[in-house]
Amino acid sequence: MTNEELWKLALHDVETELSHANFATWFPQTSVINQTDGKIVVGTPSAFVKEWLENKYSKLILKHLRT
C-alpha cells in the first residue's frame, strides 16, 4: 500500500470520529511521508499543526493507522 493510500484510508476513519470543523481545521495538507519498519511519519504544514495533532489526536490517528 502506498503512503497516499494508507493516509487516505486512515483519514476516512478519523473523519467519522471528529466534527467537520475539527477535521477541516487540522487535517488538510497532512500526509504520510515515510513508512519504514512499522514506523509512519506524518507530514504537516506547520510545527503548530504537528504539535496540535500530537497532543490532541495522536491516539486516534494511531488507532486508525493500525487498522
PDB file of N, CA and C in Angstrom:
ATOM      1  N   MET A   1       0.845  -1.171   0.000  1.00  0.00           N
ATOM      2  CA  MET A   1       0.000   0.000   0.000  1.00  0.00           C
ATOM      3  C   MET A   1       0.894   1.239   0.000  1.00  0.00           C
ATOM      4  N   THR A   2       0.548   2.186  -0.828  1.00  0.00           N
ATOM      5  CA  THR A   2       1.343   3.415  -0.901  1.00  0.00           C
ATOM      6  C   THR A   2       1.061   4.310   0.305  1.00  0.00           C
ATOM      7  N   ASN A   3       1.931   5.274   0.515  1.00  0.00           N
ATOM      8  CA  ASN A   3       1.731   6.242   1.596  1.00  0.00           C
ATOM      9  C   ASN A   3       0.405   6.968   1.431  1.00  0.00           C
ATOM     10  N   GLU A   4       0.121   7.378   0.210  1.00  0.00           N
ATOM     11  CA  GLU A   4      -1.111   8.115  -0.078  1.00  0.00           C
ATOM     12  C   GLU A   4      -2.346   7.263   0.213  1.00  0.00           C
ATOM     13  N   GLU A   5      -2.325   6.016  -0.197  1.00  0.00           N
ATOM     14  CA  GLU A   5      -3.457   5.120   0.047  1.00  0.00           C
ATOM     15  C   GLU A   5      -3.665   4.894   1.545  1.00  0.00           C
ATOM     16  N   LEU A   6      -2.579   4.665   2.260  1.00  0.00           N
ATOM     17  CA  LEU A   6      -2.653   4.448   3.696  1.00  0.00           C
ATOM     18  C   LEU A   6      -3.264   5.654   4.398  1.00  0.00           C
ATOM     19  N   TRP A   7      -2.777   6.833   4.078  1.00  0.00           N
ATOM     20  CA  TRP A   7      -3.264   8.037   4.736  1.00  0.00           C
ATOM     21  C   TRP A   7      -4.718   8.319   4.380  1.00  0.00           C
ATOM     22  N   LYS A   8      -5.084   8.081   3.137  1.00  0.00           N
ATOM     23  CA  LYS A   8      -6.463   8.303   2.707  1.00  0.00           C
ATOM     24  C   LYS A   8      -7.419   7.408   3.502  1.00  0.00           C
ATOM     25  N   LEU A   9      -7.064   6.145   3.675  1.00  0.00           N
ATOM     26  CA  LEU A   9      -7.897   5.232   4.452  1.00  0.00           C
ATOM     27  C   LEU A   9      -7.978   5.649   5.916  1.00  0.00           C
ATOM     28  N   ALA A  10      -6.842   6.001   6.495  1.00  0.00           N
ATOM     29  CA  ALA A  10      -6.823   6.419   7.895  1.00  0.00           C
ATOM     30  C   ALA A  10      -7.642   7.696   8.093  1.00  0.00           C
ATOM     31  N   LEU A  11      -7.480   8.650   7.202  1.00  0.00           N
ATOM     32  CA  LEU A  11      -8.227   9.903   7.333  1.00  0.00           C
ATOM     33  C   LEU A  11      -9.726   9.693   7.188  1.00  0.00           C
ATOM     34  N   HIS A  12     -10.105   8.789   6.328  1.00  0.00           N
ATOM     35  CA  HIS A  12     -11.533   8.491   6.175  1.00  0.00           C
ATOM     36  C   HIS A  12     -12.118   8.056   7.514  1.00  0.00           C
ATOM     37  N   ASP A  13     -11.419   7.194   8.224  1.00  0.00           N
ATOM     38  CA  ASP A  13     -11.887   6.713   9.519  1.00  0.00           C
ATOM     39  C   ASP A  13     -11.791   7.789  10.597  1.00  0.00           C
ATOM     40  N   VAL A  14     -10.726   8.564  10.591  1.00  0.00           N
ATOM     41  CA  VAL A  14     -10.576   9.657  11.551  1.00  0.00           C
ATOM     42  C   VAL A  14     -11.727  10.646  11.389  1.00  0.00           C
ATOM     43  N   GLU A  15     -12.053  10.955  10.162  1.00  0.00           N
ATOM     44  CA  GLU A  15     -13.098  11.943   9.881  1.00  0.00           C
ATOM     45  C   GLU A  15     -14.443  11.544  10.475  1.00  0.00           C
ATOM     46  N   THR A  16     -14.714  10.251  10.553  1.00  0.00           N
ATOM     47  CA  THR A  16     -16.001   9.793  11.101  1.00  0.00           C
ATOM     48  C   THR A  16     -16.108  10.045  12.604  1.00  0.00           C
ATOM     49  N   GLU A  17     -14.978  10.285  13.274  1.00  0.00           N
ATOM     50  CA  GLU A  17     -14.991  10.477  14.718  1.00  0.00           C
ATOM     51  C   GLU A  17     -14.828  11.936  15.150  1.00  0.00           C
ATOM     52  N   LEU A  18     -14.685  12.834  14.201  1.00  0.00           N
ATOM     53  CA  LEU A  18     -14.499  14.251  14.512  1.00  0.00           C
ATOM     54  C   LEU A  18     -15.598  15.087  13.881  1.00  0.00           C
ATOM     55  N   SER A  19     -15.787  16.272  14.419  1.00  0.00           N
ATOM     56  CA  SER A  19     -16.698  17.207  13.762  1.00  0.00           C
ATOM     57  C   SER A  19     -16.067  17.633  12.438  1.00  0.00           C
ATOM     58  N   HIS A  20     -16.908  18.060  11.539  1.00  0.00           N
ATOM     59  CA  HIS A  20     -16.392  18.524  10.240  1.00  0.00           C
ATOM     60  C   HIS A  20     -15.412  19.679  10.445  1.00  0.00           C
ATOM     61  N   ALA A  21     -15.743  20.591  11.358  1.00  0.00           N
ATOM     62  CA  ALA A  21     -14.890  21.761  11.590  1.00  0.00           C
ATOM     63  C   ALA A  21     -13.508  21.348  12.100  1.00  0.00           C
ATOM     64  N   ASN A  22     -13.446  20.433  13.057  1.00  0.00           N
ATOM     65  CA  ASN A  22     -12.141  19.995  13.571  1.00  0.00           C
ATOM     66  C   ASN A  22     -11.339  19.277  12.501  1.00  0.00           C
ATOM     67  N   PHE A  23     -11.991  18.417  11.754  1.00  0.00           N
ATOM     68  CA  PHE A  23     -11.274  17.707  10.694  1.00  0.00           C
ATOM     69  C   PHE A  23     -10.745  18.690   9.661  1.00  0.00           C
ATOM     70  N   ALA A  24     -11.590  19.615   9.234  1.00  0.00           N
ATOM     71  CA  ALA A  24     -11.201  20.586   8.199  1.00  0.00           C
ATOM     72  C   ALA A  24     -10.120  21.553   8.688  1.00  0.00           C
ATOM     73  N   THR A  25     -10.045  21.763   9.985  1.00  0.00           N
ATOM     74  CA  THR A  25      -9.036  22.673  10.538  1.00  0.00           C
ATOM     75  C   THR A  25      -7.666  22.019  10.629  1.00  0.00           C
ATOM     76  N   TRP A  26      -7.608  20.763  11.076  1.00  0.00           N
ATOM     77  CA  TRP A  26      -6.329  20.157  11.439  1.00  0.00           C
ATOM     78  C   TRP A  26      -5.746  19.171  10.448  1.00  0.00           C
ATOM     79  N   PHE A  27      -6.534  18.609   9.557  1.00  0.00           N
ATOM     80  CA  PHE A  27      -6.013  17.530   8.724  1.00  0.00           C
ATOM     81  C   PHE A  27      -5.712  17.865   7.265  1.00  0.00           C
ATOM     82  N   PRO A  28      -6.186  18.967   6.718  1.00  0.00           N
ATOM     83  CA  PRO A  28      -5.775  19.290   5.348  1.00  0.00           C
ATOM     84  C   PRO A  28      -4.258  19.490   5.279  1.00  0.00           C
ATOM     85  N   GLN A  29      -3.703  19.175   4.177  1.00  0.00           N
ATOM     86  CA  GLN A  29      -2.267  19.321   3.912  1.00  0.00           C
ATOM     87  C   GLN A  29      -1.404  18.443   4.814  1.00  0.00           C
ATOM     88  N   THR A  30      -1.982  17.365   5.346  1.00  0.00           N
ATOM     89  CA  THR A  30      -1.181  16.371   6.055  1.00  0.00           C
ATOM     90  C   THR A  30      -1.011  15.178   5.129  1.00  0.00           C
ATOM     91  N   SER A  31       0.018  14.403   5.373  1.00  0.00           N
ATOM     92  CA  SER A  31       0.266  13.233   4.533  1.00  0.00           C
ATOM     93  C   SER A  31       1.229  12.290   5.239  1.00  0.00           C
ATOM     94  N   VAL A  32       1.227  11.050   4.804  1.00  0.00           N
ATOM     95  CA  VAL A  32       2.253  10.123   5.250  1.00  0.00           C
ATOM     96  C   VAL A  32       3.442  10.347   4.327  1.00  0.00           C
ATOM     97  N   ILE A  33       4.582  10.677   4.907  1.00  0.00           N
ATOM     98  CA  ILE A  33       5.753  10.938   4.067  1.00  0.00           C
ATOM     99  C   ILE A  33       6.756   9.801   4.094  1.00  0.00           C
ATOM    100  N   ASN A  34       6.582   8.870   5.061  1.00  0.00           N
ATOM    101  CA  ASN A  34       7.510   7.742   5.109  1.00  0.00           C
ATOM    102  C   ASN A  34       6.918   6.601   5.916  1.00  0.00           C
ATOM    103  N   GLN A  35       7.155   5.376   5.437  1.00  0.00           N
ATOM    104  CA  GLN A  35       6.812   4.148   6.153  1.00  0.00           C
ATOM    105  C   GLN A  35       8.055   3.275   6.160  1.00  0.00           C
ATOM    106  N   THR A  36       8.590   2.991   7.336  1.00  0.00           N
ATOM    107  CA  THR A  36       9.777   2.152   7.430  1.00  0.00           C
ATOM    108  C   THR A  36       9.709   1.325   8.702  1.00  0.00           C
ATOM    109  N   ASP A  37       9.870   0.020   8.569  1.00  0.00           N
ATOM    110  CA  ASP A  37       9.933  -0.878   9.724  1.00  0.00           C
ATOM    111  C   ASP A  37       8.789  -0.660  10.705  1.00  0.00           C
ATOM    112  N   GLY A  38       7.578  -0.501  10.181  1.00  0.00           N
ATOM    113  CA  GLY A  38       6.417  -0.319  11.036  1.00  0.00           C
ATOM    114  C   GLY A  38       6.253   1.074  11.617  1.00  0.00           C
ATOM    115  N   LYS A  39       7.129   1.984  11.243  1.00  0.00           N
ATOM    116  CA  LYS A  39       7.035   3.367  11.708  1.00  0.00           C
ATOM    117  C   LYS A  39       6.505   4.227  10.571  1.00  0.00           C
ATOM    118  N   ILE A  40       5.606   5.131  10.929  1.00  0.00           N
ATOM    119  CA  ILE A  40       4.993   6.006   9.943  1.00  0.00           C
ATOM    120  C   ILE A  40       5.270   7.443  10.331  1.00  0.00           C
ATOM    121  N   VAL A  41       5.732   8.236   9.380  1.00  0.00           N
ATOM    122  CA  VAL A  41       5.991   9.655   9.597  1.00  0.00           C
ATOM    123  C   VAL A  41       4.900  10.441   8.879  1.00  0.00           C
ATOM    124  N   VAL A  42       4.221  11.279   9.648  1.00  0.00           N
ATOM    125  CA  VAL A  42       3.159  12.114   9.092  1.00  0.00           C
ATOM    126  C   VAL A  42       3.698  13.524   8.914  1.00  0.00           C
ATOM    127  N   GLY A  43       3.546  14.040   7.715  1.00  0.00           N
ATOM    128  CA  GLY A  43       3.965  15.403   7.429  1.00  0.00           C
ATOM    129  C   GLY A  43       2.822  16.364   7.679  1.00  0.00           C
ATOM    130  N   THR A  44       3.157  17.542   8.215  1.00  0.00           N
ATOM    131  CA  THR A  44       2.164  18.579   8.493  1.00  0.00           C
ATOM    132  C   THR A  44       2.612  19.894   7.873  1.00  0.00           C
ATOM    133  N   PRO A  45       1.681  20.819   7.671  1.00  0.00           N
ATOM    134  CA  PRO A  45       2.055  22.083   7.041  1.00  0.00           C
ATOM    135  C   PRO A  45       2.804  23.044   7.954  1.00  0.00           C
ATOM    136  N   SER A  46       2.784  22.794   9.273  1.00  0.00           N
ATOM    137  CA  SER A  46       3.496  23.688  10.190  1.00  0.00           C
ATOM    138  C   SER A  46       3.806  22.962  11.496  1.00  0.00           C
ATOM    139  N   ALA A  47       4.717  23.541  12.259  1.00  0.00           N
ATOM    140  CA  ALA A  47       5.063  22.986  13.573  1.00  0.00           C
ATOM    141  C   ALA A  47       3.869  23.076  14.518  1.00  0.00           C
ATOM    142  N   PHE A  48       3.065  24.112  14.379  1.00  0.00           N
ATOM    143  CA  PHE A  48       1.888  24.266  15.226  1.00  0.00           C
ATOM    144  C   PHE A  48       0.897  23.131  14.993  1.00  0.00           C
ATOM    145  N   VAL A  49       0.630  22.814  13.735  1.00  0.00           N
ATOM    146  CA  VAL A  49      -0.285  21.711  13.413  1.00  0.00           C
ATOM    147  C   VAL A  49       0.301  20.396  13.912  1.00  0.00           C
ATOM    148  N   LYS A  50       1.589  20.205  13.750  1.00  0.00           N
ATOM    149  CA  LYS A  50       2.253  18.995  14.248  1.00  0.00           C
ATOM    150  C   LYS A  50       2.015  18.827  15.741  1.00  0.00           C
ATOM    151  N   GLU A  51       2.262  19.890  16.493  1.00  0.00           N
ATOM    152  CA  GLU A  51       2.103  19.835  17.940  1.00  0.00           C
ATOM    153  C   GLU A  51       0.644  19.569  18.325  1.00  0.00           C
ATOM    154  N   TRP A  52      -0.282  20.232  17.642  1.00  0.00           N
ATOM    155  CA  TRP A  52      -1.699  20.048  17.939  1.00  0.00           C
ATOM    156  C   TRP A  52      -2.126  18.601  17.671  1.00  0.00           C
ATOM    157  N   LEU A  53      -1.722  18.062  16.539  1.00  0.00           N
ATOM    158  CA  LEU A  53      -2.084  16.676  16.218  1.00  0.00           C
ATOM    159  C   LEU A  53      -1.477  15.706  17.219  1.00  0.00           C
ATOM    160  N   GLU A  54      -0.235  15.942  17.613  1.00  0.00           N
ATOM    161  CA  GLU A  54       0.416  15.079  18.604  1.00  0.00           C
ATOM    162  C   GLU A  54      -0.322  15.115  19.940  1.00  0.00           C
ATOM    163  N   ASN A  55      -0.699  16.312  20.368  1.00  0.00           N
ATOM    164  CA  ASN A  55      -1.318  16.470  21.681  1.00  0.00           C
ATOM    165  C   ASN A  55      -2.781  16.056  21.721  1.00  0.00           C
ATOM    166  N   LYS A  56      -3.508  16.299  20.666  1.00  0.00           N
ATOM    167  CA  LYS A  56      -4.958  16.081  20.689  1.00  0.00           C
ATOM    168  C   LYS A  56      -5.427  14.823  19.960  1.00  0.00           C
ATOM    169  N   TYR A  57      -4.722  14.438  18.910  1.00  0.00           N
ATOM    170  CA  TYR A  57      -5.257  13.383  18.050  1.00  0.00           C
ATOM    171  C   TYR A  57      -4.323  12.202  17.814  1.00  0.00           C
ATOM    172  N   SER A  58      -3.202  12.138  18.508  1.00  0.00           N
ATOM    173  CA  SER A  58      -2.238  11.069  18.214  1.00  0.00           C
ATOM    174  C   SER A  58      -2.829   9.675  18.456  1.00  0.00           C
ATOM    175  N   LYS A  59      -3.577   9.500  19.536  1.00  0.00           N
ATOM    176  CA  LYS A  59      -4.164   8.181  19.805  1.00  0.00           C
ATOM    177  C   LYS A  59      -5.176   7.794  18.742  1.00  0.00           C
ATOM    178  N   LEU A  60      -5.983   8.757  18.329  1.00  0.00           N
ATOM    179  CA  LEU A  60      -6.974   8.499  17.281  1.00  0.00           C
ATOM    180  C   LEU A  60      -6.291   8.159  15.957  1.00  0.00           C
ATOM    181  N   ILE A  61      -5.271   8.912  15.603  1.00  0.00           N
ATOM    182  CA  ILE A  61      -4.537   8.653  14.364  1.00  0.00           C
ATOM    183  C   ILE A  61      -3.879   7.267  14.419  1.00  0.00           C
ATOM    184  N   LEU A  62      -3.217   6.961  15.517  1.00  0.00           N
ATOM    185  CA  LEU A  62      -2.574   5.648  15.659  1.00  0.00           C
ATOM    186  C   LEU A  62      -3.575   4.511  15.558  1.00  0.00           C
ATOM    187  N   LYS A  63      -4.717   4.685  16.190  1.00  0.00           N
ATOM    188  CA  LYS A  63      -5.756   3.647  16.150  1.00  0.00           C
ATOM    189  C   LYS A  63      -6.135   3.322  14.707  1.00  0.00           C
ATOM    190  N   HIS A  64      -6.329   4.359  13.915  1.00  0.00           N
ATOM    191  CA  HIS A  64      -6.780   4.130  12.539  1.00  0.00           C
ATOM    192  C   HIS A  64      -5.648   3.725  11.603  1.00  0.00           C
ATOM    193  N   LEU A  65      -4.438   4.119  11.889  1.00  0.00           N
ATOM    194  CA  LEU A  65      -3.322   3.649  11.076  1.00  0.00           C
ATOM    195  C   LEU A  65      -3.070   2.161  11.329  1.00  0.00           C
ATOM    196  N   ARG A  66      -3.278   1.718  12.548  1.00  0.00           N
ATOM    197  CA  ARG A  66      -3.071   0.309  12.875  1.00  0.00           C
ATOM    198  C   ARG A  66      -4.106  -0.602  12.240  1.00  0.00           C
ATOM    199  N   THR A  67      -5.322  -0.084  12.058  1.00  0.00           N
ATOM    200  CA  THR A  67      -6.362  -0.913  11.458  1.00  0.00           C
ATOM    201  C   THR A  67      -6.230  -0.884   9.957  1.00  0.00           C
TER     202      THR A  67
END
